[in-house]
Amino acid sequence: PKGFRVRYHLRTETGYEFGYSPPLDATPMNSDVTTWRYAWKL
């Protein structure tokens, strides 16, 4: 793949928001290993 992102649901005061990190308009991460470690830390 050309890049990787973390996809998640975030609990807010009013419900849930669906999101990505890095956001879709930003450059994705280039390593699946780094992205998985980042997901685990989140």
All heavy atoms as atom14 arrays in JSON, in Angstrom:
{
  "sequence": "PKGFRVRYHLRTETGYEFGYSPPLDATPMNSDVTTWRYAWKL",
  "atom14_mask": [
    [1, 1, 1, 1, 1, 1, 1, 0, 0, 0, 0, 0, 0, 0],
    [1, 1, 1, 1, 1, 1, 1, 1, 1, 0, 0, 0, 0, 0],
    [1, 1, 1, 1, 0, 0, 0, 0, 0, 0, 0, 0, 0, 0],
    [1, 1, 1, 1, 1, 1, 1, 1, 1, 1, 1, 0, 0, 0],
    [1, 1, 1, 1, 1, 1, 1, 1, 1, 1, 1, 0, 0, 0],
    [1, 1, 1, 1, 1, 1, 1, 0, 0, 0, 0, 0, 0, 0],
    [1, 1, 1, 1, 1, 1, 1, 1, 1, 1, 1, 0, 0, 0],
    [1, 1, 1, 1, 1, 1, 1, 1, 1, 1, 1, 1, 0, 0],
    [1, 1, 1, 1, 1, 1, 1, 1, 1, 1, 0, 0, 0, 0],
    [1, 1, 1, 1, 1, 1, 1, 1, 0, 0, 0, 0, 0, 0],
    [1, 1, 1, 1, 1, 1, 1, 1, 1, 1, 1, 0, 0, 0],
    [1, 1, 1, 1, 1, 1, 1, 0, 0, 0, 0, 0, 0, 0],
    [1, 1, 1, 1, 1, 1, 1, 1, 1, 0, 0, 0, 0, 0],
    [1, 1, 1, 1, 1, 1, 1, 0, 0, 0, 0, 0, 0, 0],
    [1, 1, 1, 1, 0, 0, 0, 0, 0, 0, 0, 0, 0, 0],
    [1, 1, 1, 1, 1, 1, 1, 1, 1, 1, 1, 1, 0, 0],
    [1, 1, 1, 1, 1, 1, 1, 1, 1, 0, 0, 0, 0, 0],
    [1, 1, 1, 1, 1, 1, 1, 1, 1, 1, 1, 0, 0, 0],
    [1, 1, 1, 1, 0, 0, 0, 0, 0, 0, 0, 0, 0, 0],
    [1, 1, 1, 1, 1, 1, 1, 1, 1, 1, 1, 1, 0, 0],
    [1, 1, 1, 1, 1, 1, 0, 0, 0, 0, 0, 0, 0, 0],
    [1, 1, 1, 1, 1, 1, 1, 0, 0, 0, 0, 0, 0, 0],
    [1, 1, 1, 1, 1, 1, 1, 0, 0, 0, 0, 0, 0, 0],
    [1, 1, 1, 1, 1, 1, 1, 1, 0, 0, 0, 0, 0, 0],
    [1, 1, 1, 1, 1, 1, 1, 1, 0, 0, 0, 0, 0, 0],
    [1, 1, 1, 1, 1, 0, 0, 0, 0, 0, 0, 0, 0, 0],
    [1, 1, 1, 1, 1, 1, 1, 0, 0, 0, 0, 0, 0, 0],
    [1, 1, 1, 1, 1, 1, 1, 0, 0, 0, 0, 0, 0, 0],
    [1, 1, 1, 1, 1, 1, 1, 1, 0, 0, 0, 0, 0, 0],
    [1, 1, 1, 1, 1, 1, 1, 1, 0, 0, 0, 0, 0, 0],
    [1, 1, 1, 1, 1, 1, 0, 0, 0, 0, 0, 0, 0, 0],
    [1, 1, 1, 1, 1, 1, 1, 1, 0, 0, 0, 0, 0, 0],
    [1, 1, 1, 1, 1, 1, 1, 0, 0, 0, 0, 0, 0, 0],
    [1, 1, 1, 1, 1, 1, 1, 0, 0, 0, 0, 0, 0, 0],
    [1, 1, 1, 1, 1, 1, 1, 0, 0, 0, 0, 0, 0, 0],
    [1, 1, 1, 1, 1, 1, 1, 1, 1, 1, 1, 1, 1, 1],
    [1, 1, 1, 1, 1, 1, 1, 1, 1, 1, 1, 0, 0, 0],
    [1, 1, 1, 1, 1, 1, 1, 1, 1, 1, 1, 1, 0, 0],
    [1, 1, 1, 1, 1, 0, 0, 0, 0, 0, 0, 0, 0, 0],
    [1, 1, 1, 1, 1, 1, 1, 1, 1, 1, 1, 1, 1, 1],
    [1, 1, 1, 1, 1, 1, 1, 1, 1, 0, 0, 0, 0, 0],
    [1, 1, 1, 1, 1, 1, 1, 1, 0, 0, 0, 0, 0, 0]
  ],
  "atom14_positions": [
    [[0.83, -1.22, 0.0], [0.0, 0.0, 0.0], [0.86, 1.26, 0.0], [2.01, 1.26, 0.43], [-0.79, -0.12, 1.31], [-0.81, -1.58, 1.6], [0.52, -2.09, 1.12], [0.0, 0.0, 0.0], [0.0, 0.0, 0.0], [0.0, 0.0, 0.0], [0.0, 0.0, 0.0], [0.0, 0.0, 0.0], [0.0, 0.0, 0.0], [0.0, 0.0, 0.0]],
    [[0.26, 2.35, -0.47], [0.96, 3.63, -0.54], [1.08, 4.3, 0.81], [1.82, 5.27, 0.97], [0.25, 4.56, -1.52], [0.28, 4.04, -2.93], [-0.54, 4.92, -3.86], [-0.59, 4.3, -5.23], [-1.57, 4.92, -6.09], [0.0, 0.0, 0.0], [0.0, 0.0, 0.0], [0.0, 0.0, 0.0], [0.0, 0.0, 0.0], [0.0, 0.0, 0.0]],
    [[0.33, 3.83, 1.79], [0.4, 4.41, 3.12], [-0.61, 3.77, 4.05], [-1.43, 2.96, 3.64], [0.0, 0.0, 0.0], [0.0, 0.0, 0.0], [0.0, 0.0, 0.0], [0.0, 0.0, 0.0], [0.0, 0.0, 0.0], [0.0, 0.0, 0.0], [0.0, 0.0, 0.0], [0.0, 0.0, 0.0], [0.0, 0.0, 0.0], [0.0, 0.0, 0.0]],
    [[-0.53, 4.18, 5.33], [-1.38, 3.58, 6.36], [-1.93, 4.67, 7.28], [-1.3, 5.71, 7.48], [-0.56, 2.59, 7.19], [0.09, 1.53, 6.36], [1.37, 1.69, 5.89], [-0.6, 0.37, 6.04], [1.97, 0.72, 5.11], [-0.02, -0.6, 5.25], [1.28, -0.43, 4.78], [0.0, 0.0, 0.0], [0.0, 0.0, 0.0], [0.0, 0.0, 0.0]],
    [[-3.1, 4.4, 7.84], [-3.74, 5.3, 8.8], [-4.36, 4.47, 9.92], [-4.67, 3.3, 9.73], [-4.85, 6.11, 8.15], [-4.42, 7.0, 7.03], [-5.59, 7.74, 6.39], [-5.21, 8.3, 5.12], [-4.42, 9.36, 4.97], [-3.96, 9.98, 6.02], [-4.1, 9.8, 3.78], [0.0, 0.0, 0.0], [0.0, 0.0, 0.0], [0.0, 0.0, 0.0]],
    [[-4.6, 5.12, 11.03], [-5.37, 4.51, 12.11], [-6.8, 4.99, 11.95], [-7.04, 6.2, 11.84], [-4.82, 4.89, 13.5], [-5.72, 4.36, 14.6], [-3.4, 4.37, 13.66], [0.0, 0.0, 0.0], [0.0, 0.0, 0.0], [0.0, 0.0, 0.0], [0.0, 0.0, 0.0], [0.0, 0.0, 0.0], [0.0, 0.0, 0.0], [0.0, 0.0, 0.0]],
    [[-7.76, 4.06, 11.92], [-9.19, 4.4, 11.83], [-9.81, 4.07, 13.18], [-9.48, 3.05, 13.78], [-9.83, 3.58, 10.71], [-11.28, 3.93, 10.46], [-11.8, 3.21, 9.25], [-11.82, 1.77, 9.49], [-12.02, 0.86, 8.54], [-12.21, 1.23, 7.29], [-12.02, -0.42, 8.83], [0.0, 0.0, 0.0], [0.0, 0.0, 0.0], [0.0, 0.0, 0.0]],
    [[-10.74, 4.91, 13.66], [-11.28, 4.74, 15.0], [-12.64, 5.44, 15.16], [-13.05, 6.22, 14.31], [-10.31, 5.33, 16.04], [-10.03, 6.79, 15.79], [-10.84, 7.78, 16.33], [-8.98, 7.18, 14.97], [-10.61, 9.12, 16.07], [-8.74, 8.53, 14.7], [-9.55, 9.48, 15.26], [-9.34, 10.8, 14.99], [0.0, 0.0, 0.0], [0.0, 0.0, 0.0]],
    [[-13.3, 5.14, 16.28], [-14.47, 5.89, 16.74], [-14.04, 6.61, 18.01], [-13.45, 5.99, 18.9], [-15.63, 4.96, 17.09], [-16.32, 4.42, 15.89], [-16.06, 3.17, 15.38], [-17.27, 4.95, 15.1], [-16.82, 2.95, 14.33], [-17.56, 4.02, 14.13], [0.0, 0.0, 0.0], [0.0, 0.0, 0.0], [0.0, 0.0, 0.0], [0.0, 0.0, 0.0]],
    [[-14.32, 7.89, 18.1], [-13.98, 8.69, 19.27], [-15.25, 9.08, 20.0], [-16.18, 9.63, 19.41], [-13.23, 9.96, 18.83], [-12.87, 10.95, 19.93], [-11.83, 10.34, 20.86], [-12.35, 12.24, 19.32], [0.0, 0.0, 0.0], [0.0, 0.0, 0.0], [0.0, 0.0, 0.0], [0.0, 0.0, 0.0], [0.0, 0.0, 0.0], [0.0, 0.0, 0.0]],
    [[-15.3, 8.79, 21.29], [-16.46, 9.18, 22.11], [-16.37, 10.67, 22.37], [-15.32, 11.18, 22.79], [-16.44, 8.4, 23.43], [-17.54, 8.78, 24.37], [-18.83, 8.11, 23.95], [-19.82, 8.28, 24.98], [-21.03, 8.74, 24.75], [-21.42, 9.05, 23.53], [-21.89, 8.86, 25.72], [0.0, 0.0, 0.0], [0.0, 0.0, 0.0], [0.0, 0.0, 0.0]],
    [[-17.46, 11.4, 22.1], [-17.53, 12.83, 22.36], [-18.65, 13.1, 23.36], [-19.32, 12.17, 23.81], [-17.81, 13.62, 21.06], [-19.12, 13.29, 20.6], [-16.78, 13.31, 19.99], [0.0, 0.0, 0.0], [0.0, 0.0, 0.0], [0.0, 0.0, 0.0], [0.0, 0.0, 0.0], [0.0, 0.0, 0.0], [0.0, 0.0, 0.0], [0.0, 0.0, 0.0]],
    [[-18.87, 14.35, 23.68], [-19.95, 14.72, 24.61], [-21.32, 14.36, 24.03], [-22.26, 14.09, 24.77], [-19.91, 16.24, 24.88], [-18.67, 16.73, 25.59], [-18.66, 16.38, 27.06], [-19.73, 16.13, 27.65], [-17.54, 16.35, 27.62], [0.0, 0.0, 0.0], [0.0, 0.0, 0.0], [0.0, 0.0, 0.0], [0.0, 0.0, 0.0], [0.0, 0.0, 0.0]],
    [[-21.45, 14.35, 22.7], [-22.76, 14.15, 22.07], [-22.92, 12.8, 21.37], [-23.97, 12.54, 20.8], [-23.01, 15.26, 21.03], [-21.95, 15.24, 20.07], [-23.05, 16.63, 21.7], [0.0, 0.0, 0.0], [0.0, 0.0, 0.0], [0.0, 0.0, 0.0], [0.0, 0.0, 0.0], [0.0, 0.0, 0.0], [0.0, 0.0, 0.0], [0.0, 0.0, 0.0]],
    [[-21.92, 11.98, 21.35], [-22.02, 10.69, 20.67], [-20.65, 10.19, 20.26], [-19.72, 10.22, 21.05], [0.0, 0.0, 0.0], [0.0, 0.0, 0.0], [0.0, 0.0, 0.0], [0.0, 0.0, 0.0], [0.0, 0.0, 0.0], [0.0, 0.0, 0.0], [0.0, 0.0, 0.0], [0.0, 0.0, 0.0], [0.0, 0.0, 0.0], [0.0, 0.0, 0.0]],
    [[-20.54, 9.77, 19.01], [-19.28, 9.24, 18.49], [-18.91, 9.95, 17.19], [-19.78, 10.3, 16.41], [-19.4, 7.74, 18.2], [-19.58, 6.92, 19.43], [-20.86, 6.62, 19.9], [-18.5, 6.46, 20.14], [-21.03, 5.88, 21.04], [-18.67, 5.7, 21.29], [-19.93, 5.42, 21.73], [-20.1, 4.69, 22.87], [0.0, 0.0, 0.0], [0.0, 0.0, 0.0]],
    [[-17.63, 10.14, 17.0], [-17.12, 10.65, 15.74], [-16.21, 9.59, 15.14], [-15.46, 8.94, 15.84], [-16.34, 11.95, 15.94], [-17.23, 13.11, 16.31], [-16.47, 14.43, 16.39], [-15.26, 14.45, 16.07], [-17.09, 15.42, 16.79], [0.0, 0.0, 0.0], [0.0, 0.0, 0.0], [0.0, 0.0, 0.0], [0.0, 0.0, 0.0], [0.0, 0.0, 0.0]],
    [[-16.31, 9.44, 13.84], [-15.5, 8.5, 13.1], [-14.3, 9.26, 12.57], [-14.45, 10.35, 12.04], [-16.36, 7.96, 11.94], [-15.73, 6.88, 11.14], [-15.6, 5.61, 11.65], [-15.28, 7.14, 9.86], [-15.04, 4.6, 10.9], [-14.72, 6.14, 9.1], [-14.59, 4.86, 9.62], [0.0, 0.0, 0.0], [0.0, 0.0, 0.0], [0.0, 0.0, 0.0]],
    [[-13.1, 8.74, 12.76], [-11.95, 9.51, 12.31], [-10.77, 8.67, 11.89], [-10.77, 7.44, 12.0], [0.0, 0.0, 0.0], [0.0, 0.0, 0.0], [0.0, 0.0, 0.0], [0.0, 0.0, 0.0], [0.0, 0.0, 0.0], [0.0, 0.0, 0.0], [0.0, 0.0, 0.0], [0.0, 0.0, 0.0], [0.0, 0.0, 0.0], [0.0, 0.0, 0.0]],
    [[-9.78, 9.38, 11.39], [-8.53, 8.8, 10.94], [-7.37, 9.6, 11.52], [-7.47, 10.8, 11.69], [-8.41, 8.86, 9.42], [-9.42, 8.03, 8.68], [-10.65, 8.56, 8.33], [-9.13, 6.72, 8.31], [-11.57, 7.81, 7.63], [-10.05, 5.96, 7.61], [-11.27, 6.5, 7.27], [-12.18, 5.75, 6.59], [0.0, 0.0, 0.0], [0.0, 0.0, 0.0]],
    [[-6.27, 8.91, 11.75], [-5.04, 9.59, 12.14], [-3.9, 8.93, 11.38], [-3.72, 7.71, 11.51], [-4.81, 9.48, 13.64], [-3.67, 10.22, 14.0], [0.0, 0.0, 0.0], [0.0, 0.0, 0.0], [0.0, 0.0, 0.0], [0.0, 0.0, 0.0], [0.0, 0.0, 0.0], [0.0, 0.0, 0.0], [0.0, 0.0, 0.0], [0.0, 0.0, 0.0]],
    [[-3.15, 9.67, 10.59], [-3.37, 11.05, 10.22], [-4.67, 11.22, 9.43], [-5.16, 10.26, 8.85], [-2.16, 11.4, 9.36], [-1.49, 10.13, 9.03], [-1.98, 9.08, 9.95], [0.0, 0.0, 0.0], [0.0, 0.0, 0.0], [0.0, 0.0, 0.0], [0.0, 0.0, 0.0], [0.0, 0.0, 0.0], [0.0, 0.0, 0.0], [0.0, 0.0, 0.0]],
    [[-5.23, 12.44, 9.43], [-6.46, 12.71, 8.69], [-6.32, 12.38, 7.2], [-5.2, 12.31, 6.68], [-6.7, 14.2, 8.88], [-5.84, 14.6, 10.02], [-4.7, 13.65, 10.06], [0.0, 0.0, 0.0], [0.0, 0.0, 0.0], [0.0, 0.0, 0.0], [0.0, 0.0, 0.0], [0.0, 0.0, 0.0], [0.0, 0.0, 0.0], [0.0, 0.0, 0.0]],
    [[-7.44, 12.2, 6.54], [-7.43, 11.83, 5.12], [-6.75, 12.87, 4.23], [-6.23, 12.53, 3.17], [-8.85, 11.57, 4.63], [-9.52, 10.34, 5.25], [-10.97, 10.25, 4.8], [-8.76, 9.07, 4.93], [0.0, 0.0, 0.0], [0.0, 0.0, 0.0], [0.0, 0.0, 0.0], [0.0, 0.0, 0.0], [0.0, 0.0, 0.0], [0.0, 0.0, 0.0]],
    [[-6.76, 14.13, 4.65], [-6.13, 15.17, 3.83], [-4.65, 15.35, 4.14], [-3.99, 16.22, 3.57], [-6.88, 16.5, 3.96], [-6.9, 17.02, 5.39], [-6.47, 16.31, 6.32], [-7.38, 18.16, 5.58], [0.0, 0.0, 0.0], [0.0, 0.0, 0.0], [0.0, 0.0, 0.0], [0.0, 0.0, 0.0], [0.0, 0.0, 0.0], [0.0, 0.0, 0.0]],
    [[-4.1, 14.53, 5.03], [-2.68, 14.59, 5.38], [-1.94, 13.39, 4.79], [-2.55, 12.4, 4.4], [-2.53, 14.62, 6.9], [0.0, 0.0, 0.0], [0.0, 0.0, 0.0], [0.0, 0.0, 0.0], [0.0, 0.0, 0.0], [0.0, 0.0, 0.0], [0.0, 0.0, 0.0], [0.0, 0.0, 0.0], [0.0, 0.0, 0.0], [0.0, 0.0, 0.0]],
    [[-0.65, 13.48, 4.75], [0.17, 12.38, 4.26], [0.05, 11.18, 5.19], [0.18, 11.32, 6.41], [1.65, 12.82, 4.19], [1.74, 13.97, 3.36], [2.53, 11.71, 3.65], [0.0, 0.0, 0.0], [0.0, 0.0, 0.0], [0.0, 0.0, 0.0], [0.0, 0.0, 0.0], [0.0, 0.0, 0.0], [0.0, 0.0, 0.0], [0.0, 0.0, 0.0]],
    [[-0.22, 9.99, 4.63], [-0.33, 8.8, 5.49], [1.03, 8.37, 6.02], [2.08, 8.81, 5.51], [-0.91, 7.75, 4.55], [-0.51, 8.18, 3.19], [-0.44, 9.68, 3.23], [0.0, 0.0, 0.0], [0.0, 0.0, 0.0], [0.0, 0.0, 0.0], [0.0, 0.0, 0.0], [0.0, 0.0, 0.0], [0.0, 0.0, 0.0], [0.0, 0.0, 0.0]],
    [[1.02, 7.49, 7.0], [2.26, 6.92, 7.53], [2.78, 5.91, 6.51], [2.0, 5.29, 5.8], [1.99, 6.29, 8.89], [1.47, 7.31, 9.9], [1.01, 6.58, 11.46], [2.58, 6.62, 12.29], [0.0, 0.0, 0.0], [0.0, 0.0, 0.0], [0.0, 0.0, 0.0], [0.0, 0.0, 0.0], [0.0, 0.0, 0.0], [0.0, 0.0, 0.0]],
    [[4.08, 5.72, 6.45], [4.64, 4.84, 5.42], [4.98, 3.43, 5.91], [5.39, 2.6, 5.12], [5.86, 5.48, 4.75], [6.99, 5.71, 5.73], [6.92, 5.34, 6.88], [8.02, 6.37, 5.26], [0.0, 0.0, 0.0], [0.0, 0.0, 0.0], [0.0, 0.0, 0.0], [0.0, 0.0, 0.0], [0.0, 0.0, 0.0], [0.0, 0.0, 0.0]],
    [[4.79, 3.15, 7.18], [5.13, 1.85, 7.73], [3.93, 1.24, 8.48], [3.38, 1.88, 9.37], [6.31, 1.98, 8.7], [6.44, 0.83, 9.49], [0.0, 0.0, 0.0], [0.0, 0.0, 0.0], [0.0, 0.0, 0.0], [0.0, 0.0, 0.0], [0.0, 0.0, 0.0], [0.0, 0.0, 0.0], [0.0, 0.0, 0.0], [0.0, 0.0, 0.0]],
    [[3.58, 0.02, 8.11], [2.49, -0.63, 8.84], [2.9, -0.93, 10.28], [2.08, -0.83, 11.19], [2.03, -1.9, 8.12], [3.08, -2.98, 8.02], [4.23, -2.68, 7.64], [2.76, -4.14, 8.3], [0.0, 0.0, 0.0], [0.0, 0.0, 0.0], [0.0, 0.0, 0.0], [0.0, 0.0, 0.0], [0.0, 0.0, 0.0], [0.0, 0.0, 0.0]],
    [[4.14, -1.26, 10.52], [4.61, -1.54, 11.88], [4.47, -0.3, 12.75], [3.94, -0.35, 13.86], [6.06, -2.07, 11.87], [6.58, -2.24, 13.29], [6.15, -3.38, 11.09], [0.0, 0.0, 0.0], [0.0, 0.0, 0.0], [0.0, 0.0, 0.0], [0.0, 0.0, 0.0], [0.0, 0.0, 0.0], [0.0, 0.0, 0.0], [0.0, 0.0, 0.0]],
    [[4.94, 0.82, 12.26], [4.84, 2.08, 13.0], [3.38, 2.45, 13.24], [3.02, 2.9, 14.34], [5.56, 3.21, 12.24], [6.92, 2.85, 12.05], [5.47, 4.53, 12.98], [0.0, 0.0, 0.0], [0.0, 0.0, 0.0], [0.0, 0.0, 0.0], [0.0, 0.0, 0.0], [0.0, 0.0, 0.0], [0.0, 0.0, 0.0], [0.0, 0.0, 0.0]],
    [[2.54, 2.25, 12.25], [1.12, 2.59, 12.38], [0.45, 1.69, 13.4], [-0.37, 2.16, 14.2], [0.42, 2.51, 11.02], [1.18, 3.26, 10.06], [-0.98, 3.1, 11.09], [0.0, 0.0, 0.0], [0.0, 0.0, 0.0], [0.0, 0.0, 0.0], [0.0, 0.0, 0.0], [0.0, 0.0, 0.0], [0.0, 0.0, 0.0], [0.0, 0.0, 0.0]],
    [[0.78, 0.4, 13.42], [0.21, -0.5, 14.43], [0.67, -0.12, 15.84], [-0.12, -0.16, 16.78], [0.57, -1.96, 14.12], [-0.43, -2.6, 13.23], [-0.26, -2.99, 11.94], [-1.8, -2.9, 13.55], [-1.43, -3.51, 11.44], [-2.38, -3.47, 12.41], [-2.58, -2.74, 14.69], [-3.71, -3.9, 12.38], [-3.9, -3.16, 14.66], [-4.44, -3.72, 13.52]],
    [[1.92, 0.25, 15.99], [2.41, 0.67, 17.31], [1.69, 1.95, 17.75], [1.33, 2.1, 18.91], [3.93, 0.91, 17.28], [4.73, -0.33, 17.12], [4.71, -1.22, 18.35], [5.31, -0.52, 19.47], [5.06, -0.79, 20.74], [4.23, -1.75, 21.06], [5.64, -0.13, 21.7], [0.0, 0.0, 0.0], [0.0, 0.0, 0.0], [0.0, 0.0, 0.0]],
    [[1.48, 2.86, 16.83], [0.75, 4.1, 17.11], [-0.69, 3.78, 17.53], [-1.19, 4.35, 18.5], [0.8, 4.98, 15.86], [0.04, 6.27, 15.95], [0.36, 7.25, 16.9], [-1.0, 6.53, 15.08], [-0.34, 8.44, 16.96], [-1.7, 7.73, 15.13], [-1.37, 8.67, 16.07], [-2.06, 9.85, 16.13], [0.0, 0.0, 0.0], [0.0, 0.0, 0.0]],
    [[-1.34, 2.87, 16.83], [-2.71, 2.46, 17.17], [-2.76, 1.88, 18.57], [-3.65, 2.19, 19.37], [-3.24, 1.44, 16.15], [0.0, 0.0, 0.0], [0.0, 0.0, 0.0], [0.0, 0.0, 0.0], [0.0, 0.0, 0.0], [0.0, 0.0, 0.0], [0.0, 0.0, 0.0], [0.0, 0.0, 0.0], [0.0, 0.0, 0.0], [0.0, 0.0, 0.0]],
    [[-1.8, 1.04, 18.9], [-1.74, 0.42, 20.23], [-1.57, 1.48, 21.31], [-2.23, 1.43, 22.35], [-0.6, -0.59, 20.27], [-0.49, -1.31, 21.57], [-1.21, -2.4, 21.98], [0.38, -0.97, 22.65], [-0.82, -2.76, 23.26], [0.15, -1.9, 23.69], [1.33, 0.01, 22.84], [0.85, -1.86, 24.89], [2.02, 0.06, 24.05], [1.78, -0.88, 25.05]],
    [[-0.71, 2.45, 21.05], [-0.49, 3.52, 22.03], [-1.73, 4.38, 22.21], [-2.04, 4.8, 23.34], [0.72, 4.38, 21.63], [2.03, 3.64, 21.81], [3.21, 4.48, 21.38], [4.5, 3.7, 21.56], [5.68, 4.52, 21.24], [0.0, 0.0, 0.0], [0.0, 0.0, 0.0], [0.0, 0.0, 0.0], [0.0, 0.0, 0.0], [0.0, 0.0, 0.0]],
    [[-2.47, 4.66, 21.13], [-3.73, 5.4, 21.26], [-4.71, 4.63, 22.14], [-5.39, 5.2, 23.0], [-4.36, 5.66, 19.89], [-3.68, 6.7, 19.01], [-4.3, 6.7, 17.62], [-3.79, 8.09, 19.65], [0.0, 0.0, 0.0], [0.0, 0.0, 0.0], [0.0, 0.0, 0.0], [0.0, 0.0, 0.0], [0.0, 0.0, 0.0], [0.0, 0.0, 0.0]]
  ]
}
